[in-house]
PDB file of N, CA and C in Angstrom:
ATOM      1  N   MET A   1     -73.853 -32.312  89.370  1.00  0.00           N
ATOM      2  CA  MET A   1     -72.584 -31.872  89.698  1.00  0.00           C
ATOM      3  C   MET A   1     -71.501 -32.521  88.968  1.00  0.00           C
ATOM      4  N   LYS A   2     -71.564 -33.903  88.771  1.00  0.00           N
ATOM      5  CA  LYS A   2     -70.506 -34.610  88.058  1.00  0.00           C
ATOM      6  C   LYS A   2     -70.456 -34.391  86.600  1.00  0.00           C
ATOM      7  N   ALA A   3     -71.453 -34.131  85.987  1.00  0.00           N
ATOM      8  CA  ALA A   3     -71.673 -33.261  84.674  1.00  0.00           C
ATOM      9  C   ALA A   3     -71.107 -32.243  84.586  1.00  0.00           C
ATOM     10  N   MET A   4     -71.243 -31.537  85.469  1.00  0.00           N
ATOM     11  CA  MET A   4     -70.642 -30.041  85.528  1.00  0.00           C
ATOM     12  C   MET A   4     -69.059 -30.307  85.087  1.00  0.00           C
ATOM     13  N   VAL A   5     -68.583 -30.927  86.244  1.00  0.00           N
ATOM     14  CA  VAL A   5     -67.150 -31.094  86.278  1.00  0.00           C
ATOM     15  C   VAL A   5     -66.592 -31.534  85.189  1.00  0.00           C
ATOM     16  N   ALA A   6     -67.382 -32.621  84.627  1.00  0.00           N
ATOM     17  CA  ALA A   6     -66.667 -33.124  83.225  1.00  0.00           C
ATOM     18  C   ALA A   6     -66.628 -31.986  82.218  1.00  0.00           C
ATOM     19  N   VAL A   7     -67.845 -31.232  82.197  1.00  0.00           N
ATOM     20  CA  VAL A   7     -67.951 -30.234  80.842  1.00  0.00           C
ATOM     21  C   VAL A   7     -66.796 -29.276  81.162  1.00  0.00           C
ATOM     22  N   ALA A   8     -66.599 -28.880  82.755  1.00  0.00           N
ATOM     23  CA  ALA A   8     -65.544 -27.785  83.004  1.00  0.00           C
ATOM     24  C   ALA A   8     -64.147 -28.562  82.431  1.00  0.00           C
ATOM     25  N   VAL A   9     -63.825 -29.428  82.775  1.00  0.00           N
ATOM     26  CA  VAL A   9     -62.615 -30.428  82.446  1.00  0.00           C
ATOM     27  C   VAL A   9     -62.390 -30.420  80.690  1.00  0.00           C
ATOM     28  N   PHE A  10     -63.427 -30.533  80.060  1.00  0.00           N
ATOM     29  CA  PHE A  10     -63.564 -31.008  78.709  1.00  0.00           C
ATOM     30  C   PHE A  10     -63.560 -29.531  78.105  1.00  0.00           C
ATOM     31  N   PHE A  11     -64.076 -28.336  78.344  1.00  0.00           N
ATOM     32  CA  PHE A  11     -63.607 -27.275  77.857  1.00  0.00           C
ATOM     33  C   PHE A  11     -62.606 -26.491  78.304  1.00  0.00           C
ATOM     34  N   SER A  12     -61.880 -26.974  79.310  1.00  0.00           N
ATOM     35  CA  SER A  12     -60.602 -26.342  79.735  1.00  0.00           C
ATOM     36  C   SER A  12     -59.842 -27.274  78.803  1.00  0.00           C
ATOM     37  N   ILE A  13     -59.824 -28.346  78.287  1.00  0.00           N
ATOM     38  CA  ILE A  13     -58.636 -29.047  77.347  1.00  0.00           C
ATOM     39  C   ILE A  13     -59.383 -28.626  75.866  1.00  0.00           C
ATOM     40  N   ALA A  14     -60.182 -28.461  75.815  1.00  0.00           N
ATOM     41  CA  ALA A  14     -60.893 -28.175  74.468  1.00  0.00           C
ATOM     42  C   ALA A  14     -60.729 -26.434  74.099  1.00  0.00           C
ATOM     43  N   GLY A  15     -60.585 -25.490  75.121  1.00  0.00           N
ATOM     44  CA  GLY A  15     -60.383 -24.149  74.776  1.00  0.00           C
ATOM     45  C   GLY A  15     -61.651 -23.669  74.039  1.00  0.00           C
ATOM     46  N   VAL A  16     -63.029 -23.906  74.707  1.00  0.00           N
ATOM     47  CA  VAL A  16     -64.104 -23.135  74.184  1.00  0.00           C
ATOM     48  C   VAL A  16     -64.576 -22.060  74.561  1.00  0.00           C
ATOM     49  N   ALA A  17     -64.976 -21.065  73.607  1.00  0.00           N
ATOM     50  CA  ALA A  17     -65.265 -20.003  74.074  1.00  0.00           C
ATOM     51  C   ALA A  17     -66.962 -19.558  73.911  1.00  0.00           C
ATOM     52  N   MET A  18     -67.424 -19.374  74.886  1.00  0.00           N
ATOM     53  CA  MET A  18     -69.080 -19.305  74.448  1.00  0.00           C
ATOM     54  C   MET A  18     -69.330 -18.060  74.507  1.00  0.00           C
ATOM     55  N   ALA A  19     -70.332 -17.558  73.607  1.00  0.00           N
ATOM     56  CA  ALA A  19     -70.726 -16.283  73.483  1.00  0.00           C
ATOM     57  C   ALA A  19     -72.158 -15.957  74.468  1.00  0.00           C
ATOM     58  N   ALA A  20     -72.533 -14.841  74.552  1.00  0.00           N
ATOM     59  CA  ALA A  20     -73.472 -14.390  75.784  1.00  0.00           C
ATOM     60  C   ALA A  20     -74.807 -15.164  75.477  1.00  0.00           C
ATOM     61  N   ASP A  21     -75.068 -15.807  74.201  1.00  0.00           N
ATOM     62  CA  ASP A  21     -76.448 -16.264  74.125  1.00  0.00           C
ATOM     63  C   ASP A  21     -76.067 -17.828  73.823  1.00  0.00           C
ATOM     64  N   ASP A  22     -75.003 -18.382  74.397  1.00  0.00           N
ATOM     65  CA  ASP A  22     -74.420 -19.658  74.314  1.00  0.00           C
ATOM     66  C   ASP A  22     -74.377 -20.266  72.953  1.00  0.00           C
ATOM     67  N   ALA A  23     -74.092 -19.344  72.209  1.00  0.00           N
ATOM     68  CA  ALA A  23     -73.644 -20.063  70.775  1.00  0.00           C
ATOM     69  C   ALA A  23     -72.065 -20.083  70.441  1.00  0.00           C
ATOM     70  N   PRO A  24     -71.665 -21.372  70.351  1.00  0.00           N
ATOM     71  CA  PRO A  24     -70.043 -21.770  70.315  1.00  0.00           C
ATOM     72  C   PRO A  24     -69.447 -20.606  69.457  1.00  0.00           C
ATOM     73  N   LEU A  25     -68.227 -20.182  70.082  1.00  0.00           N
ATOM     74  CA  LEU A  25     -67.506 -19.114  69.125  1.00  0.00           C
ATOM     75  C   LEU A  25     -66.288 -20.206  68.367  1.00  0.00           C
ATOM     76  N   GLN A  26     -65.708 -20.874  69.720  1.00  0.00           N
ATOM     77  CA  GLN A  26     -64.456 -21.685  69.037  1.00  0.00           C
ATOM     78  C   GLN A  26     -64.627 -23.146  69.823  1.00  0.00           C
ATOM     79  N   LEU A  27     -64.461 -24.154  68.915  1.00  0.00           N
ATOM     80  CA  LEU A  27     -64.304 -25.315  69.637  1.00  0.00           C
ATOM     81  C   LEU A  27     -62.919 -25.945  69.186  1.00  0.00           C
ATOM     82  N   CYS A  28     -62.150 -25.880  70.189  1.00  0.00           N
ATOM     83  CA  CYS A  28     -60.326 -25.822  69.563  1.00  0.00           C
ATOM     84  C   CYS A  28     -59.884 -26.949  70.490  1.00  0.00           C
ATOM     85  N   TYR A  29     -59.260 -27.633  70.155  1.00  0.00           N
ATOM     86  CA  TYR A  29     -58.199 -28.721  70.530  1.00  0.00           C
ATOM     87  C   TYR A  29     -56.735 -28.897  70.220  1.00  0.00           C
ATOM     88  N   GLU A  30     -55.990 -29.163  71.092  1.00  0.00           N
ATOM     89  CA  GLU A  30     -54.501 -29.012  71.144  1.00  0.00           C
ATOM     90  C   GLU A  30     -54.072 -29.462  69.995  1.00  0.00           C
ATOM     91  N   VAL A  31     -54.477 -31.096  69.631  1.00  0.00           N
ATOM     92  CA  VAL A  31     -53.830 -31.771  68.501  1.00  0.00           C
ATOM     93  C   VAL A  31     -54.357 -31.148  66.916  1.00  0.00           C
ATOM     94  N   VAL A  32     -55.596 -31.237  67.008  1.00  0.00           N
ATOM     95  CA  VAL A  32     -56.683 -30.841  65.521  1.00  0.00           C
ATOM     96  C   VAL A  32     -56.831 -29.562  65.434  1.00  0.00           C
ATOM     97  N   GLY A  33     -56.387 -28.647  66.538  1.00  0.00           N
ATOM     98  CA  GLY A  33     -57.001 -27.132  66.275  1.00  0.00           C
ATOM     99  C   GLY A  33     -58.611 -26.845  66.449  1.00  0.00           C
ATOM    100  N   CYS A  34     -59.161 -25.926  65.489  1.00  0.00           N
ATOM    101  CA  CYS A  34     -60.447 -25.507  65.619  1.00  0.00           C
ATOM    102  C   CYS A  34     -61.107 -26.505  64.685  1.00  0.00           C
ATOM    103  N   VAL A  35     -62.405 -26.874  65.235  1.00  0.00           N
ATOM    104  CA  VAL A  35     -63.100 -27.609  64.261  1.00  0.00           C
ATOM    105  C   VAL A  35     -64.328 -27.159  63.523  1.00  0.00           C
ATOM    106  N   GLN A  36     -64.688 -25.853  64.172  1.00  0.00           N
ATOM    107  CA  GLN A  36     -65.960 -25.265  63.760  1.00  0.00           C
ATOM    108  C   GLN A  36     -65.669 -24.138  62.427  1.00  0.00           C
ATOM    109  N   ASP A  37     -64.352 -24.153  62.106  1.00  0.00           N
ATOM    110  CA  ASP A  37     -64.105 -23.012  61.003  1.00  0.00           C
ATOM    111  C   ASP A  37     -62.738 -23.311  60.109  1.00  0.00           C
ATOM    112  N   ARG A  38     -62.453 -24.820  59.932  1.00  0.00           N
ATOM    113  CA  ARG A  38     -61.473 -25.385  59.216  1.00  0.00           C
ATOM    114  C   ARG A  38     -61.724 -26.671  59.173  1.00  0.00           C
ATOM    115  N   ASN A  39     -61.126 -27.484  58.005  1.00  0.00           N
ATOM    116  CA  ASN A  39     -61.165 -28.814  58.077  1.00  0.00           C
ATOM    117  C   ASN A  39     -59.944 -29.326  58.779  1.00  0.00           C
ATOM    118  N   VAL A  40     -60.302 -30.163  59.616  1.00  0.00           N
ATOM    119  CA  VAL A  40     -58.951 -30.961  60.412  1.00  0.00           C
ATOM    120  C   VAL A  40     -58.110 -31.716  59.557  1.00  0.00           C
ATOM    121  N   ALA A  41     -57.030 -31.417  59.343  1.00  0.00           N
ATOM    122  CA  ALA A  41     -55.961 -32.243  58.626  1.00  0.00           C
ATOM    123  C   ALA A  41     -56.323 -33.907  58.959  1.00  0.00           C
ATOM    124  N   ALA A  42     -56.180 -34.923  57.957  1.00  0.00           N
ATOM    125  CA  ALA A  42     -56.542 -36.104  58.665  1.00  0.00           C
ATOM    126  C   ALA A  42     -55.291 -36.644  59.397  1.00  0.00           C
ATOM    127  N   ARG A  43     -53.937 -36.131  58.856  1.00  0.00           N
ATOM    128  CA  ARG A  43     -52.794 -36.539  59.718  1.00  0.00           C
ATOM    129  C   ARG A  43     -53.121 -36.153  61.205  1.00  0.00           C
ATOM    130  N   ASP A  44     -53.683 -35.054  61.647  1.00  0.00           N
ATOM    131  CA  ASP A  44     -53.649 -34.548  62.781  1.00  0.00           C
ATOM    132  C   ASP A  44     -54.775 -35.401  63.505  1.00  0.00           C
ATOM    133  N   ALA A  45     -55.889 -35.745  62.873  1.00  0.00           N
ATOM    134  CA  ALA A  45     -56.690 -36.563  63.607  1.00  0.00           C
ATOM    135  C   ALA A  45     -56.263 -37.871  63.735  1.00  0.00           C
ATOM    136  N   GLU A  46     -55.569 -38.506  62.732  1.00  0.00           N
ATOM    137  CA  GLU A  46     -54.861 -39.718  63.022  1.00  0.00           C
ATOM    138  C   GLU A  46     -53.878 -39.866  64.348  1.00  0.00           C
ATOM    139  N   LYS A  47     -53.722 -38.747  64.807  1.00  0.00           N
ATOM    140  CA  LYS A  47     -52.761 -38.746  66.321  1.00  0.00           C
ATOM    141  C   LYS A  47     -53.568 -39.167  67.290  1.00  0.00           C
ATOM    142  N   LEU A  48     -55.020 -38.875  67.491  1.00  0.00           N
ATOM    143  CA  LEU A  48     -55.748 -38.979  68.404  1.00  0.00           C
ATOM    144  C   LEU A  48     -56.184 -40.127  68.542  1.00  0.00           C
ATOM    145  N   GLY A  49     -56.507 -41.073  70.014  1.00  0.00           N
ATOM    146  CA  GLY A  49     -56.853 -42.408  70.283  1.00  0.00           C
ATOM    147  C   GLY A  49     -58.287 -42.304  70.190  1.00  0.00           C
ATOM    148  N   CYS A  50     -59.030 -43.532  70.315  1.00  0.00           N
ATOM    149  CA  CYS A  50     -60.346 -43.744  70.215  1.00  0.00           C
ATOM    150  C   CYS A  50     -61.059 -42.900  71.213  1.00  0.00           C
ATOM    151  N   ASP A  51     -60.588 -42.816  72.413  1.00  0.00           N
ATOM    152  CA  ASP A  51     -61.442 -41.855  73.271  1.00  0.00           C
ATOM    153  C   ASP A  51     -61.447 -40.163  72.865  1.00  0.00           C
ATOM    154  N   GLN A  52     -60.010 -39.820  72.372  1.00  0.00           N
ATOM    155  CA  GLN A  52     -59.762 -38.652  71.979  1.00  0.00           C
ATOM    156  C   GLN A  52     -61.235 -38.398  70.653  1.00  0.00           C
ATOM    157  N   LEU A  53     -61.121 -39.341  69.768  1.00  0.00           N
ATOM    158  CA  LEU A  53     -61.918 -38.951  68.610  1.00  0.00           C
ATOM    159  C   LEU A  53     -63.216 -38.755  68.844  1.00  0.00           C
ATOM    160  N   TRP A  54     -63.794 -39.820  69.833  1.00  0.00           N
ATOM    161  CA  TRP A  54     -65.273 -40.063  70.486  1.00  0.00           C
ATOM    162  C   TRP A  54     -65.498 -38.283  71.068  1.00  0.00           C
ATOM    163  N   THR A  55     -64.637 -37.769  71.638  1.00  0.00           N
ATOM    164  CA  THR A  55     -64.802 -36.470  72.596  1.00  0.00           C
ATOM    165  C   THR A  55     -64.922 -35.646  71.624  1.00  0.00           C
ATOM    166  N   VAL A  56     -63.859 -35.213  70.697  1.00  0.00           N
ATOM    167  CA  VAL A  56     -63.956 -34.279  69.567  1.00  0.00           C
ATOM    168  C   VAL A  56     -65.248 -34.474  68.604  1.00  0.00           C
ATOM    169  N   ARG A  57     -65.696 -35.634  68.430  1.00  0.00           N
ATOM    170  CA  ARG A  57     -66.761 -35.772  67.360  1.00  0.00           C
ATOM    171  C   ARG A  57     -68.007 -35.437  68.145  1.00  0.00           C
ATOM    172  N   ASN A  58     -68.166 -35.673  69.524  1.00  0.00           N
ATOM    173  CA  ASN A  58     -69.345 -35.590  70.482  1.00  0.00           C
ATOM    174  C   ASN A  58     -69.483 -33.992  70.888  1.00  0.00           C
ATOM    175  N   GLY A  59     -67.885 -33.433  70.869  1.00  0.00           N
ATOM    176  CA  GLY A  59     -67.869 -32.000  71.106  1.00  0.00           C
ATOM    177  C   GLY A  59     -68.717 -31.278  70.324  1.00  0.00           C
ATOM    178  N   ILE A  60     -68.483 -31.512  69.229  1.00  0.00           N
ATOM    179  CA  ILE A  60     -69.026 -30.603  67.978  1.00  0.00           C
ATOM    180  C   ILE A  60     -70.571 -30.524  68.145  1.00  0.00           C
ATOM    181  N   PHE A  61     -71.396 -32.004  68.672  1.00  0.00           N
ATOM    182  CA  PHE A  61     -72.877 -32.117  68.454  1.00  0.00           C
ATOM    183  C   PHE A  61     -72.858 -31.247  69.820  1.00  0.00           C
ATOM    184  N   ALA A  62     -72.107 -31.397  71.081  1.00  0.00           N
ATOM    185  CA  ALA A  62     -72.661 -30.935  72.183  1.00  0.00           C
ATOM    186  C   ALA A  62     -72.655 -29.186  72.162  1.00  0.00           C
ATOM    187  N   ALA A  63     -71.541 -28.854  71.485  1.00  0.00           N
ATOM    188  CA  ALA A  63     -71.464 -27.202  71.224  1.00  0.00           C
ATOM    189  C   ALA A  63     -72.874 -26.794  70.523  1.00  0.00           C
ATOM    190  N   ARG A  64     -73.366 -27.585  69.528  1.00  0.00           N
ATOM    191  CA  ARG A  64     -74.444 -27.072  68.658  1.00  0.00           C
ATOM    192  C   ARG A  64     -75.748 -27.534  69.450  1.00  0.00           C
ATOM    193  N   GLY A  65     -75.800 -28.050  70.464  1.00  0.00           N
ATOM    194  CA  GLY A  65     -76.912 -28.519  71.234  1.00  0.00           C
ATOM    195  C   GLY A  65     -77.691 -29.829  71.289  1.00  0.00           C
ATOM    196  N   TYR A  66     -76.735 -30.754  70.637  1.00  0.00           N
ATOM    197  CA  TYR A  66     -77.242 -32.227  70.993  1.00  0.00           C
ATOM    198  C   TYR A  66     -77.594 -32.638  72.353  1.00  0.00           C
ATOM    199  N   CYS A  67     -78.857 -33.186  72.523  1.00  0.00           N
ATOM    200  CA  CYS A  67     -79.130 -33.892  73.687  1.00  0.00           C
ATOM    201  C   CYS A  67     -78.683 -35.153  73.850  1.00  0.00           C
ATOM    202  N   PHE A  68     -77.880 -35.608  74.393  1.00  0.00           N
ATOM    203  CA  PHE A  68     -77.275 -37.186  74.505  1.00  0.00           C
ATOM    204  C   PHE A  68     -78.202 -38.233  75.196  1.00  0.00           C
ATOM    205  N   ALA A  69     -78.356 -39.171  74.693  1.00  0.00           N
ATOM    206  CA  ALA A  69     -79.101 -40.291  75.428  1.00  0.00           C
ATOM    207  C   ALA A  69     -78.410 -41.315  75.903  1.00  0.00           C
ATOM    208  N   THR A  70     -77.036 -41.343  75.830  1.00  0.00           N
ATOM    209  CA  THR A  70     -75.949 -42.108  76.105  1.00  0.00           C
ATOM    210  C   THR A  70     -75.596 -41.865  77.585  1.00  0.00           C
ATOM    211  N   GLU A  71     -75.645 -42.748  78.632  1.00  0.00           N
ATOM    212  CA  GLU A  71     -74.697 -42.408  79.711  1.00  0.00           C
ATOM    213  C   GLU A  71     -73.256 -41.772  79.485  1.00  0.00           C
ATOM    214  N   ARG A  72     -72.785 -42.187  78.676  1.00  0.00           N
ATOM    215  CA  ARG A  72     -71.268 -41.483  78.514  1.00  0.00           C
ATOM    216  C   ARG A  72     -71.550 -40.138  78.070  1.00  0.00           C
ATOM    217  N   GLY A  73     -72.364 -39.967  76.987  1.00  0.00           N
ATOM    218  CA  GLY A  73     -72.507 -38.586  76.745  1.00  0.00           C
ATOM    219  C   GLY A  73     -73.342 -37.492  77.617  1.00  0.00           C
ATOM    220  N   LYS A  74     -73.962 -38.213  78.511  1.00  0.00           N
ATOM    221  CA  LYS A  74     -74.482 -37.226  79.519  1.00  0.00           C
ATOM    222  C   LYS A  74     -73.407 -37.031  80.583  1.00  0.00           C
ATOM    223  N   GLU A  75     -72.668 -37.804  80.914  1.00  0.00           N
ATOM    224  CA  GLU A  75     -71.379 -37.903  81.830  1.00  0.00           C
ATOM    225  C   GLU A  75     -70.494 -36.924  81.059  1.00  0.00           C
ATOM    226  N   GLU A  76     -70.295 -37.048  79.931  1.00  0.00           N
ATOM    227  CA  GLU A  76     -69.308 -36.118  79.706  1.00  0.00           C
ATOM    228  C   GLU A  76     -69.562 -34.612  79.410  1.00  0.00           C
ATOM    229  N   PHE A  77     -70.776 -34.288  78.676  1.00  0.00           N
ATOM    230  CA  PHE A  77     -71.394 -33.343  78.174  1.00  0.00           C
ATOM    231  C   PHE A  77     -72.427 -32.417  79.022  1.00  0.00           C
ATOM    232  N   GLY A  78     -73.108 -33.380  79.578  1.00  0.00           N
ATOM    233  CA  GLY A  78     -74.292 -32.935  80.306  1.00  0.00           C
ATOM    234  C   GLY A  78     -75.392 -32.622  79.158  1.00  0.00           C
ATOM    235  N   ASN A  79     -76.684 -32.428  79.435  1.00  0.00           N
ATOM    236  CA  ASN A  79     -77.707 -32.064  78.735  1.00  0.00           C
ATOM    237  C   ASN A  79     -78.331 -30.921  78.918  1.00  0.00           C
ATOM    238  N   GLU A  80     -77.989 -30.060  79.813  1.00  0.00           N
ATOM    239  CA  GLU A  80     -78.443 -28.886  80.192  1.00  0.00           C
ATOM    240  C   GLU A  80     -78.216 -27.678  78.793  1.00  0.00           C
ATOM    241  N   GLY A  81     -79.690 -27.336  78.434  1.00  0.00           N
ATOM    242  CA  GLY A  81     -79.455 -26.455  77.700  1.00  0.00           C
ATOM    243  C   GLY A  81     -79.873 -27.286  76.170  1.00  0.00           C
ATOM    244  N   CYS A  82     -79.730 -28.551  76.284  1.00  0.00           N
ATOM    245  CA  CYS A  82     -79.759 -29.043  75.071  1.00  0.00           C
ATOM    246  C   CYS A  82     -81.014 -28.780  74.009  1.00  0.00           C
ATOM    247  N   ARG A  83     -81.116 -29.005  72.754  1.00  0.00           N
ATOM    248  CA  ARG A  83     -82.388 -28.573  72.038  1.00  0.00           C
ATOM    249  C   ARG A  83     -82.556 -29.349  71.314  1.00  0.00           C
ATOM    250  N   TYR A  84     -81.604 -30.320  70.760  1.00  0.00           N
ATOM    251  CA  TYR A  84     -81.783 -31.476  69.516  1.00  0.00           C
ATOM    252  C   TYR A  84     -81.879 -32.693  70.089  1.00  0.00           C
ATOM    253  N   GLY A  85     -82.673 -33.804  69.787  1.00  0.00           N
ATOM    254  CA  GLY A  85     -82.517 -35.082  70.262  1.00  0.00           C
ATOM    255  C   GLY A  85     -82.310 -35.901  69.094  1.00  0.00           C
ATOM    256  N   ASP A  86     -82.292 -35.528  67.884  1.00  0.00           N
ATOM    257  CA  ASP A  86     -81.605 -36.124  66.834  1.00  0.00           C
ATOM    258  C   ASP A  86     -80.636 -35.567  66.141  1.00  0.00           C
ATOM    259  N   GLN A  87     -79.383 -36.478  65.961  1.00  0.00           N
ATOM    260  CA  GLN A  87     -78.361 -35.815  65.426  1.00  0.00           C
ATOM    261  C   GLN A  87     -78.503 -35.194  64.202  1.00  0.00           C
ATOM    262  N   ASN A  88     -79.241 -35.748  63.493  1.00  0.00           N
ATOM    263  CA  ASN A  88     -79.750 -35.286  62.060  1.00  0.00           C
ATOM    264  C   ASN A  88     -80.051 -33.771  62.138  1.00  0.00           C
ATOM    265  N   GLN A  89     -80.783 -33.333  63.006  1.00  0.00           N
ATOM    266  CA  GLN A  89     -81.348 -32.048  63.205  1.00  0.00           C
ATOM    267  C   GLN A  89     -80.394 -31.010  63.891  1.00  0.00           C
ATOM    268  N   VAL A  90     -79.296 -31.507  64.074  1.00  0.00           N
ATOM    269  CA  VAL A  90     -78.503 -30.563  64.853  1.00  0.00           C
ATOM    270  C   VAL A  90     -78.012 -29.883  63.730  1.00  0.00           C
ATOM    271  N   PRO A  91     -77.882 -28.123  63.901  1.00  0.00           N
ATOM    272  CA  PRO A  91     -77.438 -27.660  63.024  1.00  0.00           C
ATOM    273  C   PRO A  91     -75.934 -27.293  62.687  1.00  0.00           C
ATOM    274  N   LEU A  92     -75.145 -28.116  62.055  1.00  0.00           N
ATOM    275  CA  LEU A  92     -73.911 -28.150  61.893  1.00  0.00           C
ATOM    276  C   LEU A  92     -73.704 -27.482  60.613  1.00  0.00           C
ATOM    277  N   ASN A  93     -72.538 -26.606  60.586  1.00  0.00           N
ATOM    278  CA  ASN A  93     -71.796 -26.256  59.181  1.00  0.00           C
ATOM    279  C   ASN A  93     -71.065 -27.028  58.399  1.00  0.00           C
ATOM    280  N   ASP A  94     -70.469 -26.608  57.442  1.00  0.00           N
ATOM    281  CA  ASP A  94     -69.999 -27.509  56.376  1.00  0.00           C
ATOM    282  C   ASP A  94     -68.417 -28.210  57.002  1.00  0.00           C
ATOM    283  N   TYR A  95     -67.875 -27.205  57.581  1.00  0.00           N
ATOM    284  CA  TYR A  95     -66.624 -27.508  58.455  1.00  0.00           C
ATOM    285  C   TYR A  95     -66.975 -28.971  59.332  1.00  0.00           C
ATOM    286  N   GLU A  96     -68.031 -28.575  60.409  1.00  0.00           N
ATOM    287  CA  GLU A  96     -68.237 -29.538  61.254  1.00  0.00           C
ATOM    288  C   GLU A  96     -68.554 -30.860  61.169  1.00  0.00           C
ATOM    289  N   ARG A  97     -69.478 -30.653  59.749  1.00  0.00           N
ATOM    290  CA  ARG A  97     -70.056 -31.865  58.984  1.00  0.00           C
ATOM    291  C   ARG A  97     -68.724 -32.847  58.394  1.00  0.00           C
ATOM    292  N   ALA A  98     -67.376 -32.078  57.699  1.00  0.00           N
ATOM    293  CA  ALA A  98     -66.855 -32.512  57.256  1.00  0.00           C
ATOM    294  C   ALA A  98     -65.794 -33.140  58.291  1.00  0.00           C
ATOM    295  N   ASN A  99     -65.502 -32.371  59.353  1.00  0.00           N
ATOM    296  CA  ASN A  99     -64.638 -32.998  60.454  1.00  0.00           C
ATOM    297  C   ASN A  99     -65.397 -34.385  60.958  1.00  0.00           C
ATOM    298  N   ILE A 100     -66.856 -34.365  61.194  1.00  0.00           N
ATOM    299  CA  ILE A 100     -67.371 -35.471  61.423  1.00  0.00           C
ATOM    300  C   ILE A 100     -67.198 -36.461  61.001  1.00  0.00           C
ATOM    301  N   ARG A 101     -67.299 -36.361  59.829  1.00  0.00           N
ATOM    302  CA  ARG A 101     -67.131 -37.644  58.625  1.00  0.00           C
ATOM    303  C   ARG A 101     -65.746 -38.087  58.852  1.00  0.00           C
ATOM    304  N   LEU A 102     -64.659 -37.274  58.630  1.00  0.00           N
ATOM    305  CA  LEU A 102     -63.298 -37.883  58.867  1.00  0.00           C
ATOM    306  C   LEU A 102     -63.115 -38.666  60.100  1.00  0.00           C
ATOM    307  N   ILE A 103     -63.768 -38.341  61.203  1.00  0.00           N
ATOM    308  CA  ILE A 103     -63.380 -38.968  62.723  1.00  0.00           C
ATOM    309  C   ILE A 103     -64.175 -40.055  62.517  1.00  0.00           C
ATOM    310  N   GLN A 104     -65.217 -40.070  62.124  1.00  0.00           N
ATOM    311  CA  GLN A 104     -66.239 -41.247  61.756  1.00  0.00           C
ATOM    312  C   GLN A 104     -65.287 -42.191  61.069  1.00  0.00           C
ATOM    313  N   ALA A 105     -64.913 -41.953  60.013  1.00  0.00           N
ATOM    314  CA  ALA A 105     -64.059 -42.871  59.061  1.00  0.00           C
ATOM    315  C   ALA A 105     -62.564 -43.578  59.782  1.00  0.00           C
ATOM    316  N   ILE A 106     -62.323 -42.511  60.413  1.00  0.00           N
ATOM    317  CA  ILE A 106     -61.047 -42.921  61.407  1.00  0.00           C
ATOM    318  C   ILE A 106     -61.710 -44.005  62.327  1.00  0.00           C
ATOM    319  N   GLU A 107     -62.519 -43.828  62.795  1.00  0.00           N
ATOM    320  CA  GLU A 107     -63.200 -44.597  64.387  1.00  0.00           C
ATOM    321  C   GLU A 107     -63.806 -46.013  63.704  1.00  0.00           C
ATOM    322  N   LYS A 108     -64.154 -45.992  62.351  1.00  0.00           N
ATOM    323  CA  LYS A 108     -64.841 -47.096  61.585  1.00  0.00           C
ATOM    324  C   LYS A 108     -63.471 -47.961  61.346  1.00  0.00           C
ATOM    325  N   ARG A 109     -62.611 -47.323  61.131  1.00  0.00           N
ATOM    326  CA  ARG A 109     -61.510 -48.323  60.269  1.00  0.00           C
ATOM    327  C   ARG A 109     -60.230 -48.699  61.593  1.00  0.00           C
ATOM    328  N   ARG A 110     -60.551 -48.116  62.553  1.00  0.00           N
ATOM    329  CA  ARG A 110     -59.747 -48.535  63.982  1.00  0.00           C
ATOM    330  C   ARG A 110     -60.554 -49.547  64.846  1.00  0.00           C
ATOM    331  N   GLY A 111     -61.962 -49.404  64.410  1.00  0.00           N
ATOM    332  CA  GLY A 111     -63.056 -50.298  65.357  1.00  0.00           C
ATOM    333  C   GLY A 111     -63.408 -49.662  66.685  1.00  0.00           C
ATOM    334  N   CYS A 112     -63.304 -48.328  66.759  1.00  0.00           N
ATOM    335  CA  CYS A 112     -63.411 -47.588  67.792  1.00  0.00           C
ATOM    336  C   CYS A 112     -65.122 -48.012  68.425  1.00  0.00           C
TER     337      CYS A 112
END
């Protein structure tokens, strides 16, 4: 139940629309915009704090069916309907990959 509440809160903030087959249509955030169909501007990503960067980065993985191993990931996104236990197996498009790389670079530089 706690995971369902966290997912509902996350999706209401993120503005996610899901298709009938659970394929993500849009994964959008107030500050950085949609992350599945465009490259996030570095200046926008820089406005996010460490927790927000983590949420956006892992939200991309969650929307594509990643099964979280960490308690934080499980609590934030849950694992219901997940399909991939290895992040390298998650089917990401080029925009999602680029956005994850950008976020990881910012997280690394900041020591998040």
